[in-house]
Every structure is written in C-alpha cells, then in structure tokens.
Amino acid sequence: MKAIILCSWGATSSSLAKSVTDEAKKRNLDITVDAGGTGEFKKKAADYTVALLEPQVRHLKKEIEEAASKYGIPVDLVDMQAFAMMNGSKVLDQILELAKKAKSNS
C-alpha cells in the first residue's frame, strides 16, 4: 500500500510521513508513506492508495478529491490532534481505515 500526506510544499508532511513509516515498520506492515505538495499530487495521484491532507491545506480538499477520484483514491484530512502531536501511530490507523473503506467501495 502506498499513502501520501500532503501539505503546501512537503515540509511538515515529511516529518509526519517519517513518523508514520516508522510506526508501520514497528507493526511489520508493508506501507510506504510519502510526503508531498498538493500540486505535485495531481500529477502522481495514480501512484497512491490513500491521500491525507494536513490541516493547513484543508481548503484544497475538493480539488484533491477531484484528482484522486479518477483513480478511486480516498482523501481525508489528517486528524488535527494527531497532526499537532506528530502522532505517527494515530495517522497510520487513519490510513488503514481509509484503505479499508476504499476496498469495500470498489
């Protein structure tokens, strides 16, 4: 599975993506978590299973959902508390839930 955490330029999302990746390794899950900017995602959307938006770019959710919908990729906002605490475990759980929903909808 491949997930992406999106922010404006990919700076804060890279810290969170690393935290989520570390947590996935601890749980022996085969998940790749990338960080990126919202503009970049539109070009690479097909590469991902799940996309999460950081709170500061929530106003772009509709735009990202449009790009993701072509590939059946679920999009959600990173949980505010998990983002504030850079809680990789909580964000990983969120990614797993989203992926489950995507599978049950396909």
PDB file of N, CA and C in Angstrom:
ATOM      1  N   MET A   1       0.848  -1.172   0.000  1.00  0.00           N
ATOM      2  CA  MET A   1       0.000   0.000   0.000  1.00  0.00           C
ATOM      3  C   MET A   1       0.895   1.237   0.000  1.00  0.00           C
ATOM      4  N   LYS A   2       0.407   2.264  -0.676  1.00  0.00           N
ATOM      5  CA  LYS A   2       1.190   3.490  -0.754  1.00  0.00           C
ATOM      6  C   LYS A   2       0.291   4.678  -0.411  1.00  0.00           C
ATOM      7  N   ALA A   3       0.689   5.433   0.598  1.00  0.00           N
ATOM      8  CA  ALA A   3      -0.090   6.592   1.032  1.00  0.00           C
ATOM      9  C   ALA A   3       0.751   7.850   0.852  1.00  0.00           C
ATOM     10  N   ILE A   4       0.052   8.992   0.794  1.00  0.00           N
ATOM     11  CA  ILE A   4       0.757  10.267   0.728  1.00  0.00           C
ATOM     12  C   ILE A   4       0.095  11.242   1.687  1.00  0.00           C
ATOM     13  N   ILE A   5       0.947  12.015   2.356  1.00  0.00           N
ATOM     14  CA  ILE A   5       0.476  13.080   3.237  1.00  0.00           C
ATOM     15  C   ILE A   5       0.834  14.388   2.541  1.00  0.00           C
ATOM     16  N   LEU A   6      -0.181  15.209   2.329  1.00  0.00           N
ATOM     17  CA  LEU A   6       0.006  16.431   1.545  1.00  0.00           C
ATOM     18  C   LEU A   6      -0.040  17.697   2.388  1.00  0.00           C
ATOM     19  N   CYS A   7       0.865  18.606   2.069  1.00  0.00           N
ATOM     20  CA  CYS A   7       0.822  19.946   2.642  1.00  0.00           C
ATOM     21  C   CYS A   7       1.145  20.910   1.504  1.00  0.00           C
ATOM     22  N   SER A   8       1.422  22.146   1.815  1.00  0.00           N
ATOM     23  CA  SER A   8       1.675  23.113   0.751  1.00  0.00           C
ATOM     24  C   SER A   8       2.919  22.762  -0.056  1.00  0.00           C
ATOM     25  N   TRP A   9       4.028  22.533   0.632  1.00  0.00           N
ATOM     26  CA  TRP A   9       5.303  22.303  -0.065  1.00  0.00           C
ATOM     27  C   TRP A   9       5.975  20.992   0.283  1.00  0.00           C
ATOM     28  N   GLY A  10       5.425  20.237   1.209  1.00  0.00           N
ATOM     29  CA  GLY A  10       6.018  18.949   1.552  1.00  0.00           C
ATOM     30  C   GLY A  10       6.950  19.001   2.751  1.00  0.00           C
ATOM     31  N   ALA A  11       7.043  20.153   3.427  1.00  0.00           N
ATOM     32  CA  ALA A  11       7.986  20.269   4.550  1.00  0.00           C
ATOM     33  C   ALA A  11       7.465  19.593   5.816  1.00  0.00           C
ATOM     34  N   THR A  12       6.328  20.046   6.358  1.00  0.00           N
ATOM     35  CA  THR A  12       5.817  19.421   7.584  1.00  0.00           C
ATOM     36  C   THR A  12       5.350  18.004   7.315  1.00  0.00           C
ATOM     37  N   SER A  13       4.861  17.753   6.124  1.00  0.00           N
ATOM     38  CA  SER A  13       4.367  16.409   5.830  1.00  0.00           C
ATOM     39  C   SER A  13       5.495  15.385   5.827  1.00  0.00           C
ATOM     40  N   SER A  14       6.715  15.799   5.519  1.00  0.00           N
ATOM     41  CA  SER A  14       7.814  14.819   5.507  1.00  0.00           C
ATOM     42  C   SER A  14       8.120  14.322   6.918  1.00  0.00           C
ATOM     43  N   SER A  15       8.011  15.182   7.920  1.00  0.00           N
ATOM     44  CA  SER A  15       8.217  14.748   9.313  1.00  0.00           C
ATOM     45  C   SER A  15       7.137  13.755   9.732  1.00  0.00           C
ATOM     46  N   LEU A  16       5.903  14.084   9.381  1.00  0.00           N
ATOM     47  CA  LEU A  16       4.795  13.205   9.743  1.00  0.00           C
ATOM     48  C   LEU A  16       4.880  11.883   8.981  1.00  0.00           C
ATOM     49  N   ALA A  17       5.228  11.937   7.709  1.00  0.00           N
ATOM     50  CA  ALA A  17       5.357  10.716   6.901  1.00  0.00           C
ATOM     51  C   ALA A  17       6.419   9.794   7.486  1.00  0.00           C
ATOM     52  N   LYS A  18       7.522  10.364   7.953  1.00  0.00           N
ATOM     53  CA  LYS A  18       8.586   9.558   8.557  1.00  0.00           C
ATOM     54  C   LYS A  18       8.073   8.874   9.834  1.00  0.00           C
ATOM     55  N   SER A  19       7.345   9.622  10.631  1.00  0.00           N
ATOM     56  CA  SER A  19       6.792   9.081  11.868  1.00  0.00           C
ATOM     57  C   SER A  19       5.821   7.927  11.574  1.00  0.00           C
ATOM     58  N   VAL A  20       4.996   8.088  10.544  1.00  0.00           N
ATOM     59  CA  VAL A  20       4.041   7.041  10.158  1.00  0.00           C
ATOM     60  C   VAL A  20       4.788   5.818   9.613  1.00  0.00           C
ATOM     61  N   THR A  21       5.811   6.051   8.800  1.00  0.00           N
ATOM     62  CA  THR A  21       6.617   4.959   8.239  1.00  0.00           C
ATOM     63  C   THR A  21       7.288   4.166   9.358  1.00  0.00           C
ATOM     64  N   ASP A  22       7.843   4.867  10.341  1.00  0.00           N
ATOM     65  CA  ASP A  22       8.483   4.196  11.484  1.00  0.00           C
ATOM     66  C   ASP A  22       7.480   3.308  12.221  1.00  0.00           C
ATOM     67  N   GLU A  23       6.270   3.834  12.404  1.00  0.00           N
ATOM     68  CA  GLU A  23       5.220   3.073  13.092  1.00  0.00           C
ATOM     69  C   GLU A  23       4.815   1.840  12.276  1.00  0.00           C
ATOM     70  N   ALA A  24       4.715   1.980  10.963  1.00  0.00           N
ATOM     71  CA  ALA A  24       4.354   0.854  10.087  1.00  0.00           C
ATOM     72  C   ALA A  24       5.411  -0.245  10.190  1.00  0.00           C
ATOM     73  N   LYS A  25       6.688   0.157  10.250  1.00  0.00           N
ATOM     74  CA  LYS A  25       7.771  -0.831  10.392  1.00  0.00           C
ATOM     75  C   LYS A  25       7.639  -1.582  11.708  1.00  0.00           C
ATOM     76  N   LYS A  26       7.332  -0.848  12.786  1.00  0.00           N
ATOM     77  CA  LYS A  26       7.173  -1.477  14.103  1.00  0.00           C
ATOM     78  C   LYS A  26       6.070  -2.529  14.065  1.00  0.00           C
ATOM     79  N   ARG A  27       5.046  -2.260  13.270  1.00  0.00           N
ATOM     80  CA  ARG A  27       3.905  -3.182  13.183  1.00  0.00           C
ATOM     81  C   ARG A  27       4.077  -4.208  12.057  1.00  0.00           C
ATOM     82  N   ASN A  28       5.234  -4.204  11.408  1.00  0.00           N
ATOM     83  CA  ASN A  28       5.503  -5.114  10.284  1.00  0.00           C
ATOM     84  C   ASN A  28       4.479  -4.990   9.154  1.00  0.00           C
ATOM     85  N   LEU A  29       4.104  -3.763   8.839  1.00  0.00           N
ATOM     86  CA  LEU A  29       3.161  -3.511   7.747  1.00  0.00           C
ATOM     87  C   LEU A  29       3.925  -3.030   6.527  1.00  0.00           C
ATOM     88  N   ASP A  30       3.500  -3.494   5.378  1.00  0.00           N
ATOM     89  CA  ASP A  30       4.154  -3.102   4.135  1.00  0.00           C
ATOM     90  C   ASP A  30       3.451  -1.863   3.566  1.00  0.00           C
ATOM     91  N   ILE A  31       3.801  -0.728   4.142  1.00  0.00           N
ATOM     92  CA  ILE A  31       3.170   0.531   3.729  1.00  0.00           C
ATOM     93  C   ILE A  31       4.261   1.555   3.468  1.00  0.00           C
ATOM     94  N   THR A  32       4.170   2.205   2.333  1.00  0.00           N
ATOM     95  CA  THR A  32       5.070   3.296   2.011  1.00  0.00           C
ATOM     96  C   THR A  32       4.282   4.581   2.202  1.00  0.00           C
ATOM     97  N   VAL A  33       4.854   5.528   2.945  1.00  0.00           N
ATOM     98  CA  VAL A  33       4.179   6.803   3.168  1.00  0.00           C
ATOM     99  C   VAL A  33       5.076   7.916   2.644  1.00  0.00           C
ATOM    100  N   ASP A  34       4.597   8.596   1.628  1.00  0.00           N
ATOM    101  CA  ASP A  34       5.335   9.714   1.049  1.00  0.00           C
ATOM    102  C   ASP A  34       4.782  11.028   1.568  1.00  0.00           C
ATOM    103  N   ALA A  35       5.565  12.064   1.381  1.00  0.00           N
ATOM    104  CA  ALA A  35       5.138  13.420   1.706  1.00  0.00           C
ATOM    105  C   ALA A  35       5.196  14.206   0.417  1.00  0.00           C
ATOM    106  N   GLY A  36       4.311  15.164   0.284  1.00  0.00           N
ATOM    107  CA  GLY A  36       4.372  15.947  -0.936  1.00  0.00           C
ATOM    108  C   GLY A  36       3.493  17.167  -0.895  1.00  0.00           C
ATOM    109  N   GLY A  37       3.642  17.960  -1.922  1.00  0.00           N
ATOM    110  CA  GLY A  37       2.813  19.148  -2.075  1.00  0.00           C
ATOM    111  C   GLY A  37       1.559  18.793  -2.849  1.00  0.00           C
ATOM    112  N   THR A  38       0.535  19.603  -2.685  1.00  0.00           N
ATOM    113  CA  THR A  38      -0.741  19.326  -3.335  1.00  0.00           C
ATOM    114  C   THR A  38      -0.636  19.410  -4.861  1.00  0.00           C
ATOM    115  N   GLY A  39       0.159  20.313  -5.376  1.00  0.00           N
ATOM    116  CA  GLY A  39       0.307  20.453  -6.824  1.00  0.00           C
ATOM    117  C   GLY A  39       0.932  19.214  -7.443  1.00  0.00           C
ATOM    118  N   GLU A  40       1.926  18.700  -6.777  1.00  0.00           N
ATOM    119  CA  GLU A  40       2.652  17.505  -7.212  1.00  0.00           C
ATOM    120  C   GLU A  40       1.722  16.283  -7.232  1.00  0.00           C
ATOM    121  N   PHE A  41       0.820  16.206  -6.257  1.00  0.00           N
ATOM    122  CA  PHE A  41      -0.092  15.059  -6.150  1.00  0.00           C
ATOM    123  C   PHE A  41      -0.936  14.892  -7.404  1.00  0.00           C
ATOM    124  N   LYS A  42      -1.393  15.992  -7.948  1.00  0.00           N
ATOM    125  CA  LYS A  42      -2.275  15.915  -9.121  1.00  0.00           C
ATOM    126  C   LYS A  42      -1.604  15.178 -10.274  1.00  0.00           C
ATOM    127  N   LYS A  43      -0.286  15.295 -10.368  1.00  0.00           N
ATOM    128  CA  LYS A  43       0.454  14.621 -11.443  1.00  0.00           C
ATOM    129  C   LYS A  43       0.714  13.149 -11.118  1.00  0.00           C
ATOM    130  N   LYS A  44       0.780  12.819  -9.820  1.00  0.00           N
ATOM    131  CA  LYS A  44       1.167  11.472  -9.420  1.00  0.00           C
ATOM    132  C   LYS A  44       0.067  10.706  -8.691  1.00  0.00           C
ATOM    133  N   ALA A  45      -1.157  11.189  -8.743  1.00  0.00           N
ATOM    134  CA  ALA A  45      -2.252  10.585  -7.968  1.00  0.00           C
ATOM    135  C   ALA A  45      -2.373   9.077  -8.179  1.00  0.00           C
ATOM    136  N   ALA A  46      -2.175   8.623  -9.404  1.00  0.00           N
ATOM    137  CA  ALA A  46      -2.352   7.195  -9.723  1.00  0.00           C
ATOM    138  C   ALA A  46      -1.412   6.289  -8.931  1.00  0.00           C
ATOM    139  N   ASP A  47      -0.333   6.848  -8.385  1.00  0.00           N
ATOM    140  CA  ASP A  47       0.655   6.058  -7.649  1.00  0.00           C
ATOM    141  C   ASP A  47       0.202   5.667  -6.239  1.00  0.00           C
ATOM    142  N   TYR A  48      -0.912   6.251  -5.756  1.00  0.00           N
ATOM    143  CA  TYR A  48      -1.260   6.101  -4.340  1.00  0.00           C
ATOM    144  C   TYR A  48      -2.564   5.350  -4.097  1.00  0.00           C
ATOM    145  N   THR A  49      -2.644   4.787  -2.889  1.00  0.00           N
ATOM    146  CA  THR A  49      -3.833   4.074  -2.438  1.00  0.00           C
ATOM    147  C   THR A  49      -4.721   5.013  -1.624  1.00  0.00           C
ATOM    148  N   VAL A  50      -4.063   5.891  -0.854  1.00  0.00           N
ATOM    149  CA  VAL A  50      -4.733   6.791   0.087  1.00  0.00           C
ATOM    150  C   VAL A  50      -4.008   8.134   0.090  1.00  0.00           C
ATOM    151  N   ALA A  51      -4.778   9.216   0.259  1.00  0.00           N
ATOM    152  CA  ALA A  51      -4.166  10.548   0.389  1.00  0.00           C
ATOM    153  C   ALA A  51      -4.742  11.258   1.608  1.00  0.00           C
ATOM    154  N   LEU A  52      -3.853  11.851   2.394  1.00  0.00           N
ATOM    155  CA  LEU A  52      -4.271  12.639   3.558  1.00  0.00           C
ATOM    156  C   LEU A  52      -3.786  14.073   3.385  1.00  0.00           C
ATOM    157  N   LEU A  53      -4.634  15.005   3.758  1.00  0.00           N
ATOM    158  CA  LEU A  53      -4.281  16.421   3.692  1.00  0.00           C
ATOM    159  C   LEU A  53      -4.021  16.935   5.092  1.00  0.00           C
ATOM    160  N   GLU A  54      -2.963  17.710   5.247  1.00  0.00           N
ATOM    161  CA  GLU A  54      -2.709  18.331   6.539  1.00  0.00           C
ATOM    162  C   GLU A  54      -3.703  19.476   6.739  1.00  0.00           C
ATOM    163  N   PRO A  55      -3.969  19.810   8.005  1.00  0.00           N
ATOM    164  CA  PRO A  55      -4.993  20.825   8.306  1.00  0.00           C
ATOM    165  C   PRO A  55      -4.806  22.166   7.575  1.00  0.00           C
ATOM    166  N   GLN A  56      -3.566  22.587   7.382  1.00  0.00           N
ATOM    167  CA  GLN A  56      -3.351  23.906   6.773  1.00  0.00           C
ATOM    168  C   GLN A  56      -3.711  23.969   5.287  1.00  0.00           C
ATOM    169  N   VAL A  57      -3.952  22.829   4.664  1.00  0.00           N
ATOM    170  CA  VAL A  57      -4.363  22.838   3.247  1.00  0.00           C
ATOM    171  C   VAL A  57      -5.765  22.235   3.065  1.00  0.00           C
ATOM    172  N   ARG A  58      -6.543  22.219   4.140  1.00  0.00           N
ATOM    173  CA  ARG A  58      -7.883  21.620   4.057  1.00  0.00           C
ATOM    174  C   ARG A  58      -8.763  22.316   3.024  1.00  0.00           C
ATOM    175  N   HIS A  59      -8.477  23.596   2.748  1.00  0.00           N
ATOM    176  CA  HIS A  59      -9.269  24.327   1.752  1.00  0.00           C
ATOM    177  C   HIS A  59      -9.089  23.754   0.332  1.00  0.00           C
ATOM    178  N   LEU A  60      -8.079  22.897   0.150  1.00  0.00           N
ATOM    179  CA  LEU A  60      -7.829  22.285  -1.162  1.00  0.00           C
ATOM    180  C   LEU A  60      -8.439  20.883  -1.278  1.00  0.00           C
ATOM    181  N   LYS A  61      -9.182  20.474  -0.262  1.00  0.00           N
ATOM    182  CA  LYS A  61      -9.695  19.092  -0.229  1.00  0.00           C
ATOM    183  C   LYS A  61     -10.512  18.755  -1.472  1.00  0.00           C
ATOM    184  N   LYS A  62     -11.422  19.611  -1.859  1.00  0.00           N
ATOM    185  CA  LYS A  62     -12.291  19.336  -3.012  1.00  0.00           C
ATOM    186  C   LYS A  62     -11.446  19.129  -4.279  1.00  0.00           C
ATOM    187  N   GLU A  63     -10.468  19.992  -4.460  1.00  0.00           N
ATOM    188  CA  GLU A  63      -9.565  19.930  -5.616  1.00  0.00           C
ATOM    189  C   GLU A  63      -8.789  18.595  -5.630  1.00  0.00           C
ATOM    190  N   ILE A  64      -8.280  18.200  -4.470  1.00  0.00           N
ATOM    191  CA  ILE A  64      -7.523  16.953  -4.351  1.00  0.00           C
ATOM    192  C   ILE A  64      -8.448  15.753  -4.555  1.00  0.00           C
ATOM    193  N   GLU A  65      -9.659  15.843  -4.008  1.00  0.00           N
ATOM    194  CA  GLU A  65     -10.625  14.751  -4.194  1.00  0.00           C
ATOM    195  C   GLU A  65     -10.945  14.552  -5.675  1.00  0.00           C
ATOM    196  N   GLU A  66     -11.046  15.639  -6.417  1.00  0.00           N
ATOM    197  CA  GLU A  66     -11.309  15.528  -7.861  1.00  0.00           C
ATOM    198  C   GLU A  66     -10.196  14.766  -8.562  1.00  0.00           C
ATOM    199  N   ALA A  67      -8.940  15.118  -8.248  1.00  0.00           N
ATOM    200  CA  ALA A  67      -7.788  14.434  -8.856  1.00  0.00           C
ATOM    201  C   ALA A  67      -7.761  12.964  -8.435  1.00  0.00           C
ATOM    202  N   ALA A  68      -8.047  12.699  -7.168  1.00  0.00           N
ATOM    203  CA  ALA A  68      -7.987  11.343  -6.622  1.00  0.00           C
ATOM    204  C   ALA A  68      -9.136  10.466  -7.116  1.00  0.00           C
ATOM    205  N   SER A  69     -10.291  11.063  -7.354  1.00  0.00           N
ATOM    206  CA  SER A  69     -11.472  10.279  -7.715  1.00  0.00           C
ATOM    207  C   SER A  69     -11.292   9.533  -9.038  1.00  0.00           C
ATOM    208  N   LYS A  70     -10.467  10.054  -9.923  1.00  0.00           N
ATOM    209  CA  LYS A  70     -10.207   9.378 -11.199  1.00  0.00           C
ATOM    210  C   LYS A  70      -9.591   8.000 -10.983  1.00  0.00           C
ATOM    211  N   TYR A  71      -8.944   7.831  -9.836  1.00  0.00           N
ATOM    212  CA  TYR A  71      -8.242   6.577  -9.536  1.00  0.00           C
ATOM    213  C   TYR A  71      -8.860   5.839  -8.346  1.00  0.00           C
ATOM    214  N   GLY A  72      -9.988   6.335  -7.852  1.00  0.00           N
ATOM    215  CA  GLY A  72     -10.651   5.694  -6.715  1.00  0.00           C
ATOM    216  C   GLY A  72      -9.883   5.808  -5.411  1.00  0.00           C
ATOM    217  N   ILE A  73      -9.144   6.895  -5.254  1.00  0.00           N
ATOM    218  CA  ILE A  73      -8.316   7.082  -4.054  1.00  0.00           C
ATOM    219  C   ILE A  73      -9.090   7.890  -3.015  1.00  0.00           C
ATOM    220  N   PRO A  74      -9.262   7.335  -1.810  1.00  0.00           N
ATOM    221  CA  PRO A  74      -9.931   8.106  -0.762  1.00  0.00           C
ATOM    222  C   PRO A  74      -9.028   9.220  -0.237  1.00  0.00           C
ATOM    223  N   VAL A  75      -9.650  10.349   0.088  1.00  0.00           N
ATOM    224  CA  VAL A  75      -8.923  11.516   0.604  1.00  0.00           C
ATOM    225  C   VAL A  75      -9.571  11.918   1.919  1.00  0.00           C
ATOM    226  N   ASP A  76      -8.741  12.253   2.888  1.00  0.00           N
ATOM    227  CA  ASP A  76      -9.270  12.738   4.160  1.00  0.00           C
ATOM    228  C   ASP A  76      -8.282  13.744   4.737  1.00  0.00           C
ATOM    229  N   LEU A  77      -8.726  14.435   5.774  1.00  0.00           N
ATOM    230  CA  LEU A  77      -7.837  15.358   6.484  1.00  0.00           C
ATOM    231  C   LEU A  77      -7.138  14.593   7.596  1.00  0.00           C
ATOM    232  N   VAL A  78      -5.871  14.898   7.797  1.00  0.00           N
ATOM    233  CA  VAL A  78      -5.142  14.308   8.925  1.00  0.00           C
ATOM    234  C   VAL A  78      -5.851  14.758  10.194  1.00  0.00           C
ATOM    235  N   ASP A  79      -6.066  13.839  11.103  1.00  0.00           N
ATOM    236  CA  ASP A  79      -6.650  14.165  12.393  1.00  0.00           C
ATOM    237  C   ASP A  79      -5.853  15.311  13.027  1.00  0.00           C
ATOM    238  N   MET A  80      -6.568  16.377  13.431  1.00  0.00           N
ATOM    239  CA  MET A  80      -5.920  17.591  13.960  1.00  0.00           C
ATOM    240  C   MET A  80      -4.985  17.293  15.138  1.00  0.00           C
ATOM    241  N   GLN A  81      -5.476  16.495  16.075  1.00  0.00           N
ATOM    242  CA  GLN A  81      -4.683  16.192  17.267  1.00  0.00           C
ATOM    243  C   GLN A  81      -3.448  15.371  16.901  1.00  0.00           C
ATOM    244  N   ALA A  82      -3.633  14.403  16.023  1.00  0.00           N
ATOM    245  CA  ALA A  82      -2.511  13.555  15.595  1.00  0.00           C
ATOM    246  C   ALA A  82      -1.470  14.415  14.881  1.00  0.00           C
ATOM    247  N   PHE A  83      -1.925  15.369  14.085  1.00  0.00           N
ATOM    248  CA  PHE A  83      -1.013  16.262  13.378  1.00  0.00           C
ATOM    249  C   PHE A  83      -0.231  17.124  14.372  1.00  0.00           C
ATOM    250  N   ALA A  84      -0.928  17.707  15.325  1.00  0.00           N
ATOM    251  CA  ALA A  84      -0.286  18.584  16.316  1.00  0.00           C
ATOM    252  C   ALA A  84       0.781  17.842  17.112  1.00  0.00           C
ATOM    253  N   MET A  85       0.510  16.556  17.393  1.00  0.00           N
ATOM    254  CA  MET A  85       1.441  15.758  18.200  1.00  0.00           C
ATOM    255  C   MET A  85       2.430  14.969  17.328  1.00  0.00           C
ATOM    256  N   MET A  86       2.280  15.080  15.988  1.00  0.00           N
ATOM    257  CA  MET A  86       3.080  14.277  15.053  1.00  0.00           C
ATOM    258  C   MET A  86       2.993  12.808  15.455  1.00  0.00           C
ATOM    259  N   ASN A  87       1.744  12.365  15.716  1.00  0.00           N
ATOM    260  CA  ASN A  87       1.466  11.018  16.195  1.00  0.00           C
ATOM    261  C   ASN A  87       1.354  10.047  15.011  1.00  0.00           C
ATOM    262  N   GLY A  88       2.475   9.430  14.676  1.00  0.00           N
ATOM    263  CA  GLY A  88       2.526   8.507  13.544  1.00  0.00           C
ATOM    264  C   GLY A  88       1.600   7.322  13.698  1.00  0.00           C
ATOM    265  N   SER A  89       1.423   6.848  14.919  1.00  0.00           N
ATOM    266  CA  SER A  89       0.568   5.696  15.170  1.00  0.00           C
ATOM    267  C   SER A  89      -0.888   6.009  14.830  1.00  0.00           C
ATOM    268  N   LYS A  90      -1.356   7.144  15.289  1.00  0.00           N
ATOM    269  CA  LYS A  90      -2.745   7.541  15.043  1.00  0.00           C
ATOM    270  C   LYS A  90      -2.991   7.797  13.552  1.00  0.00           C
ATOM    271  N   VAL A  91      -2.026   8.419  12.885  1.00  0.00           N
ATOM    272  CA  VAL A  91      -2.175   8.696  11.454  1.00  0.00           C
ATOM    273  C   VAL A  91      -2.119   7.392  10.660  1.00  0.00           C
ATOM    274  N   LEU A  92      -1.283   6.453  11.083  1.00  0.00           N
ATOM    275  CA  LEU A  92      -1.234   5.143  10.427  1.00  0.00           C
ATOM    276  C   LEU A  92      -2.597   4.454  10.537  1.00  0.00           C
ATOM    277  N   ASP A  93      -3.202   4.504  11.725  1.00  0.00           N
ATOM    278  CA  ASP A  93      -4.539   3.923  11.904  1.00  0.00           C
ATOM    279  C   ASP A  93      -5.534   4.579  10.945  1.00  0.00           C
ATOM    280  N   GLN A  94      -5.409   5.878  10.781  1.00  0.00           N
ATOM    281  CA  GLN A  94      -6.295   6.609   9.881  1.00  0.00           C
ATOM    282  C   GLN A  94      -6.103   6.139   8.427  1.00  0.00           C
ATOM    283  N   ILE A  95      -4.864   5.946   8.035  1.00  0.00           N
ATOM    284  CA  ILE A  95      -4.551   5.461   6.680  1.00  0.00           C
ATOM    285  C   ILE A  95      -5.145   4.064   6.469  1.00  0.00           C
ATOM    286  N   LEU A  96      -4.983   3.194   7.461  1.00  0.00           N
ATOM    287  CA  LEU A  96      -5.504   1.827   7.355  1.00  0.00           C
ATOM    288  C   LEU A  96      -7.026   1.816   7.232  1.00  0.00           C
ATOM    289  N   GLU A  97      -7.693   2.676   8.001  1.00  0.00           N
ATOM    290  CA  GLU A  97      -9.158   2.789   7.933  1.00  0.00           C
ATOM    291  C   GLU A  97      -9.607   3.254   6.551  1.00  0.00           C
ATOM    292  N   LEU A  98      -8.946   4.282   6.044  1.00  0.00           N
ATOM    293  CA  LEU A  98      -9.279   4.814   4.715  1.00  0.00           C
ATOM    294  C   LEU A  98      -9.109   3.748   3.649  1.00  0.00           C
ATOM    295  N   ALA A  99      -8.018   3.002   3.722  1.00  0.00           N
ATOM    296  CA  ALA A  99      -7.745   1.953   2.739  1.00  0.00           C
ATOM    297  C   ALA A  99      -8.828   0.875   2.795  1.00  0.00           C
ATOM    298  N   LYS A 100      -9.281   0.541   4.018  1.00  0.00           N
ATOM    299  CA  LYS A 100     -10.341  -0.451   4.191  1.00  0.00           C
ATOM    300  C   LYS A 100     -11.628   0.023   3.504  1.00  0.00           C
ATOM    301  N   LYS A 101     -11.962   1.293   3.724  1.00  0.00           N
ATOM    302  CA  LYS A 101     -13.169   1.862   3.101  1.00  0.00           C
ATOM    303  C   LYS A 101     -13.058   1.823   1.590  1.00  0.00           C
ATOM    304  N   ALA A 102     -11.874   2.147   1.077  1.00  0.00           N
ATOM    305  CA  ALA A 102     -11.665   2.163  -0.372  1.00  0.00           C
ATOM    306  C   ALA A 102     -11.881   0.759  -0.951  1.00  0.00           C
ATOM    307  N   LYS A 103     -11.362  -0.246  -0.250  1.00  0.00           N
ATOM    308  CA  LYS A 103     -11.530  -1.630  -0.723  1.00  0.00           C
ATOM    309  C   LYS A 103     -12.991  -2.047  -0.712  1.00  0.00           C
ATOM    310  N   SER A 104     -13.711  -1.661   0.343  1.00  0.00           N
ATOM    311  CA  SER A 104     -15.104  -2.084   0.433  1.00  0.00           C
ATOM    312  C   SER A 104     -15.993  -1.335  -0.559  1.00  0.00           C
ATOM    313  N   ASN A 105     -15.527  -0.190  -1.054  1.00  0.00           N
ATOM    314  CA  ASN A 105     -16.289   0.564  -2.051  1.00  0.00           C
ATOM    315  C   ASN A 105     -15.988   0.132  -3.468  1.00  0.00           C
ATOM    316  N   SER A 106     -14.900  -0.624  -3.649  1.00  0.00           N
ATOM    317  CA  SER A 106     -14.537  -0.989  -5.032  1.00  0.00           C
ATOM    318  C   SER A 106     -15.109  -2.326  -5.435  1.00  0.00           C
TER     319      SER A 106
END
